[in-house]
Amino acid sequence: MPDRRSARIQVLVAEHAARRGVRVGVADVCSAAVATLPVGGAGLSAMSRTAPSHPLCSTDDISEQLEELQLTLGEGPCVDAFLHGSAVLTPDLLTPELQDRWMVFTEAALQAGARAVFALPLQLGAISPGVLDLYAHVPVRLNAEELADALAFADLATLVLLDTRIEETGGPHDGRVEDLGAYRAEVDQASGILTVQLGVGIEEAFVRLRAYAYARGRRLADVAADVVAHRVRFPPDMEPDPTDEEA
């Protein structure tokens, strides 16, 4: 079961979705993060080492500019967080070290109105589907509780981005998400199995797994469970066949 922090974050995000009258999406994660944390905006980009990266959502014009800037320039906290798989926290972009590190991005970000940027990679085991970015107009340093909340928002964004079903029964205050730990373990295990079956890298294996689920209108978690249980096999050099299942 989710811990108390994760459960609280899930309720906050579900409430934002309920006010919009839609199913929970990454836009709700971004909006709830801005409402909860000492930041002025948030953006989220889907990122990949093998395919073009692209922004998925932003809460305002500044966050939209920051997402576009980093992906266009190929530098900034978002890019580093994705490449290294760890949070990049920049409480003040005017720090000389940061200006040297991201010379072009830093100047452009400051001109756009951002002073602090926090980039949190979305991770599911070995899979990294994107990055959640938070920015502030003034220098800000997240305390331990705020950082823990930010990471919980990133965890939830990972689930939403990977099409995990958000439970909608019981109204917005009962908004819940499947346990992240169990989901992460099973999808990661299934992707690992496919690297052997298909002779491809982990990113390509995950792409095939998700494509299979999408093409058949199934949940990613359910397909991953079938792969782990050897109920579905992905033959090399051919599209997965839904009838190609072991007894």
C-alpha atoms as a PDB file:
ATOM      1  CA  MET A   1       0.000   0.000   0.000  1.00  0.00           C
ATOM      2  CA  PRO A   2       1.207   3.586  -0.581  1.00  0.00           C
ATOM      3  CA  ASP A   3       2.772   5.309   2.447  1.00  0.00           C
ATOM      4  CA  ARG A   4       1.059   8.305   4.045  1.00  0.00           C
ATOM      5  CA  ARG A   5       2.974  10.861   2.014  1.00  0.00           C
ATOM      6  CA  SER A   6       2.212   9.138  -1.274  1.00  0.00           C
ATOM      7  CA  ALA A   7      -1.441   8.745  -0.305  1.00  0.00           C
ATOM      8  CA  ARG A   8      -1.699  12.445   0.576  1.00  0.00           C
ATOM      9  CA  ILE A   9      -0.109  13.477  -2.726  1.00  0.00           C
ATOM     10  CA  GLN A  10      -2.458  11.166  -4.620  1.00  0.00           C
ATOM     11  CA  VAL A  11      -5.488  12.776  -2.982  1.00  0.00           C
ATOM     12  CA  LEU A  12      -4.236  16.276  -3.839  1.00  0.00           C
ATOM     13  CA  VAL A  13      -3.732  15.326  -7.476  1.00  0.00           C
ATOM     14  CA  ALA A  14      -7.090  13.530  -7.651  1.00  0.00           C
ATOM     15  CA  GLU A  15      -8.800  16.643  -6.298  1.00  0.00           C
ATOM     16  CA  HIS A  16      -7.275  18.771  -9.055  1.00  0.00           C
ATOM     17  CA  ALA A  17      -8.502  16.299 -11.671  1.00  0.00           C
ATOM     18  CA  ALA A  18     -11.957  16.213 -10.100  1.00  0.00           C
ATOM     19  CA  ARG A  19     -12.232  20.004 -10.339  1.00  0.00           C
ATOM     20  CA  ARG A  20     -11.486  19.716 -14.064  1.00  0.00           C
ATOM     21  CA  GLY A  21     -13.954  16.868 -14.394  1.00  0.00           C
ATOM     22  CA  VAL A  22     -11.422  14.548 -16.025  1.00  0.00           C
ATOM     23  CA  ARG A  23      -9.349  11.501 -15.258  1.00  0.00           C
ATOM     24  CA  VAL A  24      -6.032  12.227 -13.536  1.00  0.00           C
ATOM     25  CA  GLY A  25      -3.291  13.364 -15.941  1.00  0.00           C
ATOM     26  CA  VAL A  26       0.217  14.749 -15.694  1.00  0.00           C
ATOM     27  CA  ALA A  27      -1.230  18.276 -15.850  1.00  0.00           C
ATOM     28  CA  ASP A  28      -2.937  17.608 -12.514  1.00  0.00           C
ATOM     29  CA  VAL A  29       0.334  16.433 -10.984  1.00  0.00           C
ATOM     30  CA  CYS A  30       2.012  19.655 -12.102  1.00  0.00           C
ATOM     31  CA  SER A  31      -0.842  21.855 -10.831  1.00  0.00           C
ATOM     32  CA  ALA A  32      -1.002  20.103  -7.465  1.00  0.00           C
ATOM     33  CA  ALA A  33       2.771  20.390  -7.047  1.00  0.00           C
ATOM     34  CA  VAL A  34       2.608  24.150  -7.619  1.00  0.00           C
ATOM     35  CA  ALA A  35      -0.238  24.482  -5.115  1.00  0.00           C
ATOM     36  CA  THR A  36       1.654  22.473  -2.497  1.00  0.00           C
ATOM     37  CA  LEU A  37       5.293  23.528  -2.843  1.00  0.00           C
ATOM     38  CA  PRO A  38       7.004  26.963  -2.650  1.00  0.00           C
ATOM     39  CA  VAL A  39       7.330  27.204  -6.429  1.00  0.00           C
ATOM     40  CA  GLY A  40       5.748  29.353  -9.095  1.00  0.00           C
ATOM     41  CA  GLY A  41       5.267  26.802 -11.849  1.00  0.00           C
ATOM     42  CA  ALA A  42       5.873  23.283 -13.079  1.00  0.00           C
ATOM     43  CA  GLY A  43       6.450  21.502 -16.358  1.00  0.00           C
ATOM     44  CA  LEU A  44       6.893  17.924 -17.443  1.00  0.00           C
ATOM     45  CA  SER A  45       8.643  16.532 -20.502  1.00  0.00           C
ATOM     46  CA  ALA A  46       8.693  13.028 -21.943  1.00  0.00           C
ATOM     47  CA  MET A  47      12.318  12.121 -22.607  1.00  0.00           C
ATOM     48  CA  SER A  48      14.134   9.253 -24.275  1.00  0.00           C
ATOM     49  CA  ARG A  49      17.670   8.381 -25.357  1.00  0.00           C
ATOM     50  CA  THR A  50      16.369   6.845 -28.579  1.00  0.00           C
ATOM     51  CA  ALA A  51      13.507   9.134 -29.633  1.00  0.00           C
ATOM     52  CA  PRO A  52      12.823  12.891 -29.710  1.00  0.00           C
ATOM     53  CA  SER A  53      11.948  14.370 -26.324  1.00  0.00           C
ATOM     54  CA  HIS A  54       8.986  16.713 -26.041  1.00  0.00           C
ATOM     55  CA  PRO A  55       7.124  18.787 -23.422  1.00  0.00           C
ATOM     56  CA  LEU A  56       3.876  17.276 -22.179  1.00  0.00           C
ATOM     57  CA  CYS A  57       2.498  19.986 -19.935  1.00  0.00           C
ATOM     58  CA  SER A  58       3.284  23.244 -18.182  1.00  0.00           C
ATOM     59  CA  THR A  59       1.380  25.360 -15.687  1.00  0.00           C
ATOM     60  CA  ASP A  60       2.283  28.790 -17.084  1.00  0.00           C
ATOM     61  CA  ASP A  61       4.239  30.618 -19.772  1.00  0.00           C
ATOM     62  CA  ILE A  62       7.515  30.556 -17.847  1.00  0.00           C
ATOM     63  CA  SER A  63       7.460  26.825 -17.224  1.00  0.00           C
ATOM     64  CA  GLU A  64       6.558  26.289 -20.873  1.00  0.00           C
ATOM     65  CA  GLN A  65       9.569  28.345 -21.928  1.00  0.00           C
ATOM     66  CA  LEU A  66      11.857  26.431 -19.560  1.00  0.00           C
ATOM     67  CA  GLU A  67      10.778  23.065 -20.966  1.00  0.00           C
ATOM     68  CA  GLU A  68      11.271  24.209 -24.548  1.00  0.00           C
ATOM     69  CA  LEU A  69      14.591  25.879 -23.775  1.00  0.00           C
ATOM     70  CA  GLN A  70      16.163  22.838 -22.167  1.00  0.00           C
ATOM     71  CA  LEU A  71      15.057  20.405 -24.848  1.00  0.00           C
ATOM     72  CA  THR A  72      16.096  22.783 -27.625  1.00  0.00           C
ATOM     73  CA  LEU A  73      19.478  23.687 -26.134  1.00  0.00           C
ATOM     74  CA  GLY A  74      20.243  20.228 -24.789  1.00  0.00           C
ATOM     75  CA  GLU A  75      21.359  21.662 -21.460  1.00  0.00           C
ATOM     76  CA  GLY A  76      19.900  22.560 -18.092  1.00  0.00           C
ATOM     77  CA  PRO A  77      18.683  20.840 -14.906  1.00  0.00           C
ATOM     78  CA  CYS A  78      16.080  18.786 -16.798  1.00  0.00           C
ATOM     79  CA  VAL A  79      18.649  17.346 -19.202  1.00  0.00           C
ATOM     80  CA  ASP A  80      21.131  16.539 -16.422  1.00  0.00           C
ATOM     81  CA  ALA A  81      18.434  14.931 -14.257  1.00  0.00           C
ATOM     82  CA  PHE A  82      17.448  12.664 -17.139  1.00  0.00           C
ATOM     83  CA  LEU A  83      20.989  11.726 -18.137  1.00  0.00           C
ATOM     84  CA  HIS A  84      22.188  11.009 -14.587  1.00  0.00           C
ATOM     85  CA  GLY A  85      18.956   9.663 -13.109  1.00  0.00           C
ATOM     86  CA  SER A  86      19.060  11.887 -10.028  1.00  0.00           C
ATOM     87  CA  ALA A  87      17.392  15.082  -8.871  1.00  0.00           C
ATOM     88  CA  VAL A  88      19.091  18.339  -9.850  1.00  0.00           C
ATOM     89  CA  LEU A  89      18.315  21.112  -7.361  1.00  0.00           C
ATOM     90  CA  THR A  90      19.279  24.677  -8.255  1.00  0.00           C
ATOM     91  CA  PRO A  91      18.088  27.078  -5.533  1.00  0.00           C
ATOM     92  CA  ASP A  92      19.624  30.082  -7.323  1.00  0.00           C
ATOM     93  CA  LEU A  93      20.525  30.236 -11.008  1.00  0.00           C
ATOM     94  CA  LEU A  94      22.763  33.238 -10.346  1.00  0.00           C
ATOM     95  CA  THR A  95      25.312  30.958  -8.682  1.00  0.00           C
ATOM     96  CA  PRO A  96      28.511  31.379 -10.751  1.00  0.00           C
ATOM     97  CA  GLU A  97      29.058  27.626 -10.945  1.00  0.00           C
ATOM     98  CA  LEU A  98      25.645  27.132 -12.552  1.00  0.00           C
ATOM     99  CA  GLN A  99      26.181  29.978 -14.999  1.00  0.00           C
ATOM    100  CA  ASP A 100      29.368  28.237 -16.142  1.00  0.00           C
ATOM    101  CA  ARG A 101      27.649  24.837 -16.240  1.00  0.00           C
ATOM    102  CA  TRP A 102      24.638  25.900 -18.342  1.00  0.00           C
ATOM    103  CA  MET A 103      25.830  29.139 -19.885  1.00  0.00           C
ATOM    104  CA  VAL A 104      23.114  29.567 -22.498  1.00  0.00           C
ATOM    105  CA  PHE A 105      20.227  28.051 -20.543  1.00  0.00           C
ATOM    106  CA  THR A 106      20.919  30.014 -17.359  1.00  0.00           C
ATOM    107  CA  GLU A 107      20.818  33.367 -19.111  1.00  0.00           C
ATOM    108  CA  ALA A 108      17.662  32.461 -21.025  1.00  0.00           C
ATOM    109  CA  ALA A 109      15.938  31.096 -17.900  1.00  0.00           C
ATOM    110  CA  LEU A 110      16.696  34.238 -15.925  1.00  0.00           C
ATOM    111  CA  GLN A 111      15.346  36.381 -18.741  1.00  0.00           C
ATOM    112  CA  ALA A 112      12.187  34.258 -18.776  1.00  0.00           C
ATOM    113  CA  GLY A 113      11.629  34.984 -15.072  1.00  0.00           C
ATOM    114  CA  ALA A 114      12.968  31.875 -13.323  1.00  0.00           C
ATOM    115  CA  ARG A 115      15.474  32.136 -10.486  1.00  0.00           C
ATOM    116  CA  ALA A 116      15.372  28.604  -9.041  1.00  0.00           C
ATOM    117  CA  VAL A 117      14.770  25.314 -10.865  1.00  0.00           C
ATOM    118  CA  PHE A 118      14.325  21.807  -9.492  1.00  0.00           C
ATOM    119  CA  ALA A 119      14.426  18.867 -11.915  1.00  0.00           C
ATOM    120  CA  LEU A 120      13.149  15.471 -10.728  1.00  0.00           C
ATOM    121  CA  PRO A 121      13.610  12.442 -12.984  1.00  0.00           C
ATOM    122  CA  LEU A 122      10.665  10.118 -13.496  1.00  0.00           C
ATOM    123  CA  GLN A 123      11.938   6.603 -12.889  1.00  0.00           C
ATOM    124  CA  LEU A 124      10.480   3.119 -12.920  1.00  0.00           C
ATOM    125  CA  GLY A 125      13.364   0.793 -12.186  1.00  0.00           C
ATOM    126  CA  ALA A 126      15.688   1.127 -15.175  1.00  0.00           C
ATOM    127  CA  ILE A 127      13.064   3.012 -17.203  1.00  0.00           C
ATOM    128  CA  SER A 128      13.245   6.827 -17.319  1.00  0.00           C
ATOM    129  CA  PRO A 129      10.254   8.217 -19.231  1.00  0.00           C
ATOM    130  CA  GLY A 130      10.746  11.900 -18.437  1.00  0.00           C
ATOM    131  CA  VAL A 131      11.444  14.695 -15.961  1.00  0.00           C
ATOM    132  CA  LEU A 132       9.272  16.872 -13.718  1.00  0.00           C
ATOM    133  CA  ASP A 133      10.566  20.463 -13.479  1.00  0.00           C
ATOM    134  CA  LEU A 134       9.615  23.001 -10.817  1.00  0.00           C
ATOM    135  CA  TYR A 135      10.664  26.646 -10.873  1.00  0.00           C
ATOM    136  CA  ALA A 136      10.452  29.675  -8.594  1.00  0.00           C
ATOM    137  CA  HIS A 137      10.645  33.406  -9.341  1.00  0.00           C
ATOM    138  CA  VAL A 138      12.997  33.979  -6.382  1.00  0.00           C
ATOM    139  CA  PRO A 139      15.842  31.966  -4.825  1.00  0.00           C
ATOM    140  CA  VAL A 140      14.314  29.006  -2.984  1.00  0.00           C
ATOM    141  CA  ARG A 141      15.793  26.095  -1.096  1.00  0.00           C
ATOM    142  CA  LEU A 142      13.448  23.137  -0.525  1.00  0.00           C
ATOM    143  CA  ASN A 143      13.568  21.766   3.008  1.00  0.00           C
ATOM    144  CA  ALA A 144      13.563  18.022   3.681  1.00  0.00           C
ATOM    145  CA  GLU A 145       9.762  17.750   3.832  1.00  0.00           C
ATOM    146  CA  GLU A 146       9.245  19.814   0.702  1.00  0.00           C
ATOM    147  CA  LEU A 147      11.818  17.784  -1.206  1.00  0.00           C
ATOM    148  CA  ALA A 148      10.163  14.546  -0.075  1.00  0.00           C
ATOM    149  CA  ASP A 149       6.825  15.867  -1.341  1.00  0.00           C
ATOM    150  CA  ALA A 150       8.411  16.895  -4.651  1.00  0.00           C
ATOM    151  CA  LEU A 151       9.820  13.395  -5.108  1.00  0.00           C
ATOM    152  CA  ALA A 152       6.400  11.924  -4.310  1.00  0.00           C
ATOM    153  CA  PHE A 153       4.876  14.103  -7.037  1.00  0.00           C
ATOM    154  CA  ALA A 154       7.540  12.791  -9.430  1.00  0.00           C
ATOM    155  CA  ASP A 155       6.719   9.193  -8.457  1.00  0.00           C
ATOM    156  CA  LEU A 156       3.043   9.798  -9.116  1.00  0.00           C
ATOM    157  CA  ALA A 157       3.810  11.530 -12.410  1.00  0.00           C
ATOM    158  CA  THR A 158       5.722   8.406 -13.423  1.00  0.00           C
ATOM    159  CA  LEU A 159       2.684   6.224 -12.843  1.00  0.00           C
ATOM    160  CA  VAL A 160       0.373   8.591 -14.685  1.00  0.00           C
ATOM    161  CA  LEU A 161       2.765   8.979 -17.611  1.00  0.00           C
ATOM    162  CA  LEU A 162       3.060   5.228 -17.963  1.00  0.00           C
ATOM    163  CA  ASP A 163      -0.713   4.909 -18.154  1.00  0.00           C
ATOM    164  CA  THR A 164      -1.339   3.261 -14.830  1.00  0.00           C
ATOM    165  CA  ARG A 165      -5.046   3.350 -13.995  1.00  0.00           C
ATOM    166  CA  ILE A 166      -6.072   5.933 -11.409  1.00  0.00           C
ATOM    167  CA  GLU A 167      -8.782   4.559  -9.141  1.00  0.00           C
ATOM    168  CA  GLU A 168     -11.857   6.708  -9.601  1.00  0.00           C
ATOM    169  CA  THR A 169     -14.328   5.069  -7.251  1.00  0.00           C
ATOM    170  CA  GLY A 170     -15.406   6.818  -4.091  1.00  0.00           C
ATOM    171  CA  GLY A 171     -14.973  10.413  -5.256  1.00  0.00           C
ATOM    172  CA  PRO A 172     -11.941  12.676  -5.344  1.00  0.00           C
ATOM    173  CA  HIS A 173     -11.028  12.324  -1.686  1.00  0.00           C
ATOM    174  CA  ASP A 174     -10.490   8.605  -2.178  1.00  0.00           C
ATOM    175  CA  GLY A 175      -8.185   9.091  -5.156  1.00  0.00           C
ATOM    176  CA  ARG A 176      -5.567   6.327  -5.031  1.00  0.00           C
ATOM    177  CA  VAL A 177      -2.883   4.907  -7.293  1.00  0.00           C
ATOM    178  CA  GLU A 178      -1.615   1.364  -7.447  1.00  0.00           C
ATOM    179  CA  ASP A 179       1.378   0.713  -5.208  1.00  0.00           C
ATOM    180  CA  LEU A 180       4.407   2.243  -6.907  1.00  0.00           C
ATOM    181  CA  GLY A 181       6.878  -0.298  -5.532  1.00  0.00           C
ATOM    182  CA  ALA A 182       5.010  -3.328  -6.838  1.00  0.00           C
ATOM    183  CA  TYR A 183       4.279  -1.666 -10.155  1.00  0.00           C
ATOM    184  CA  ARG A 184       7.912  -0.618 -10.608  1.00  0.00           C
ATOM    185  CA  ALA A 185       9.214  -4.092  -9.820  1.00  0.00           C
ATOM    186  CA  GLU A 186       6.879  -5.907 -12.209  1.00  0.00           C
ATOM    187  CA  VAL A 187       7.304  -3.572 -15.183  1.00  0.00           C
ATOM    188  CA  ASP A 188      11.061  -3.513 -14.689  1.00  0.00           C
ATOM    189  CA  GLN A 189      11.155  -7.314 -14.456  1.00  0.00           C
ATOM    190  CA  ALA A 190       9.038  -7.683 -17.585  1.00  0.00           C
ATOM    191  CA  SER A 191      11.295  -5.272 -19.475  1.00  0.00           C
ATOM    192  CA  GLY A 192      14.310  -7.273 -18.363  1.00  0.00           C
ATOM    193  CA  ILE A 193      12.729 -10.489 -19.641  1.00  0.00           C
ATOM    194  CA  LEU A 194      12.073  -8.844 -22.999  1.00  0.00           C
ATOM    195  CA  THR A 195      15.694  -7.735 -23.353  1.00  0.00           C
ATOM    196  CA  VAL A 196      16.561 -11.437 -23.424  1.00  0.00           C
ATOM    197  CA  GLN A 197      13.636 -12.538 -25.600  1.00  0.00           C
ATOM    198  CA  LEU A 198      14.152  -9.766 -28.158  1.00  0.00           C
ATOM    199  CA  GLY A 199      17.874  -9.148 -27.877  1.00  0.00           C
ATOM    200  CA  VAL A 200      17.363  -5.404 -27.382  1.00  0.00           C
ATOM    201  CA  GLY A 201      18.223  -2.791 -24.773  1.00  0.00           C
ATOM    202  CA  ILE A 202      16.027  -1.981 -21.787  1.00  0.00           C
ATOM    203  CA  GLU A 203      14.550   1.173 -23.362  1.00  0.00           C
ATOM    204  CA  GLU A 204      13.559  -0.652 -26.555  1.00  0.00           C
ATOM    205  CA  ALA A 205      12.145  -3.532 -24.505  1.00  0.00           C
ATOM    206  CA  PHE A 206       9.967  -1.077 -22.595  1.00  0.00           C
ATOM    207  CA  VAL A 207       8.793   0.564 -25.835  1.00  0.00           C
ATOM    208  CA  ARG A 208       7.720  -2.856 -27.150  1.00  0.00           C
ATOM    209  CA  LEU A 209       5.968  -3.660 -23.881  1.00  0.00           C
ATOM    210  CA  ARG A 210       4.019  -0.422 -23.903  1.00  0.00           C
ATOM    211  CA  ALA A 211       3.200  -0.699 -27.624  1.00  0.00           C
ATOM    212  CA  TYR A 212       1.788  -4.195 -27.053  1.00  0.00           C
ATOM    213  CA  ALA A 213      -0.434  -2.928 -24.234  1.00  0.00           C
ATOM    214  CA  TYR A 214      -1.586   0.109 -26.209  1.00  0.00           C
ATOM    215  CA  ALA A 215      -2.394  -1.865 -29.369  1.00  0.00           C
ATOM    216  CA  ARG A 216      -4.589  -4.261 -27.411  1.00  0.00           C
ATOM    217  CA  GLY A 217      -6.246  -1.708 -25.158  1.00  0.00           C
ATOM    218  CA  ARG A 218      -4.730  -3.286 -22.047  1.00  0.00           C
ATOM    219  CA  ARG A 219      -3.118  -1.804 -18.972  1.00  0.00           C
ATOM    220  CA  LEU A 220       0.669  -1.794 -18.942  1.00  0.00           C
ATOM    221  CA  ALA A 221       0.731  -3.427 -15.505  1.00  0.00           C
ATOM    222  CA  ASP A 222      -1.444  -6.317 -16.708  1.00  0.00           C
ATOM    223  CA  VAL A 223       0.737  -7.002 -19.742  1.00  0.00           C
ATOM    224  CA  ALA A 224       3.856  -6.840 -17.552  1.00  0.00           C
ATOM    225  CA  ALA A 225       2.311  -9.401 -15.205  1.00  0.00           C
ATOM    226  CA  ASP A 226       1.608 -11.708 -18.162  1.00  0.00           C
ATOM    227  CA  VAL A 227       5.184 -11.423 -19.386  1.00  0.00           C
ATOM    228  CA  VAL A 228       6.591 -12.161 -15.937  1.00  0.00           C
ATOM    229  CA  ALA A 229       4.244 -15.155 -15.579  1.00  0.00           C
ATOM    230  CA  HIS A 230       5.249 -16.376 -19.083  1.00  0.00           C
ATOM    231  CA  ARG A 231       1.668 -16.103 -20.330  1.00  0.00           C
ATOM    232  CA  VAL A 232       2.848 -13.838 -23.164  1.00  0.00           C
ATOM    233  CA  ARG A 233       6.051 -14.092 -25.171  1.00  0.00           C
ATOM    234  CA  PHE A 234       7.439 -11.536 -27.631  1.00  0.00           C
ATOM    235  CA  PRO A 235       9.152 -13.522 -30.432  1.00  0.00           C
ATOM    236  CA  PRO A 236      12.317 -11.855 -31.832  1.00  0.00           C
ATOM    237  CA  ASP A 237      12.095 -10.068 -35.198  1.00  0.00           C
ATOM    238  CA  MET A 238       8.310 -10.032 -35.331  1.00  0.00           C
ATOM    239  CA  GLU A 239       5.407  -8.124 -33.856  1.00  0.00           C
ATOM    240  CA  PRO A 240       4.022  -9.674 -30.657  1.00  0.00           C
ATOM    241  CA  ASP A 241       0.994 -11.838 -31.386  1.00  0.00           C
ATOM    242  CA  PRO A 242      -1.781 -11.821 -28.772  1.00  0.00           C
ATOM    243  CA  THR A 243      -2.410 -15.500 -29.503  1.00  0.00           C
ATOM    244  CA  ASP A 244       1.205 -16.405 -28.866  1.00  0.00           C
ATOM    245  CA  GLU A 245       0.689 -17.343 -25.247  1.00  0.00           C
ATOM    246  CA  GLU A 246       1.975 -20.240 -23.249  1.00  0.00           C
ATOM    247  CA  ALA A 247      -0.483 -22.545 -21.654  1.00  0.00           C
END
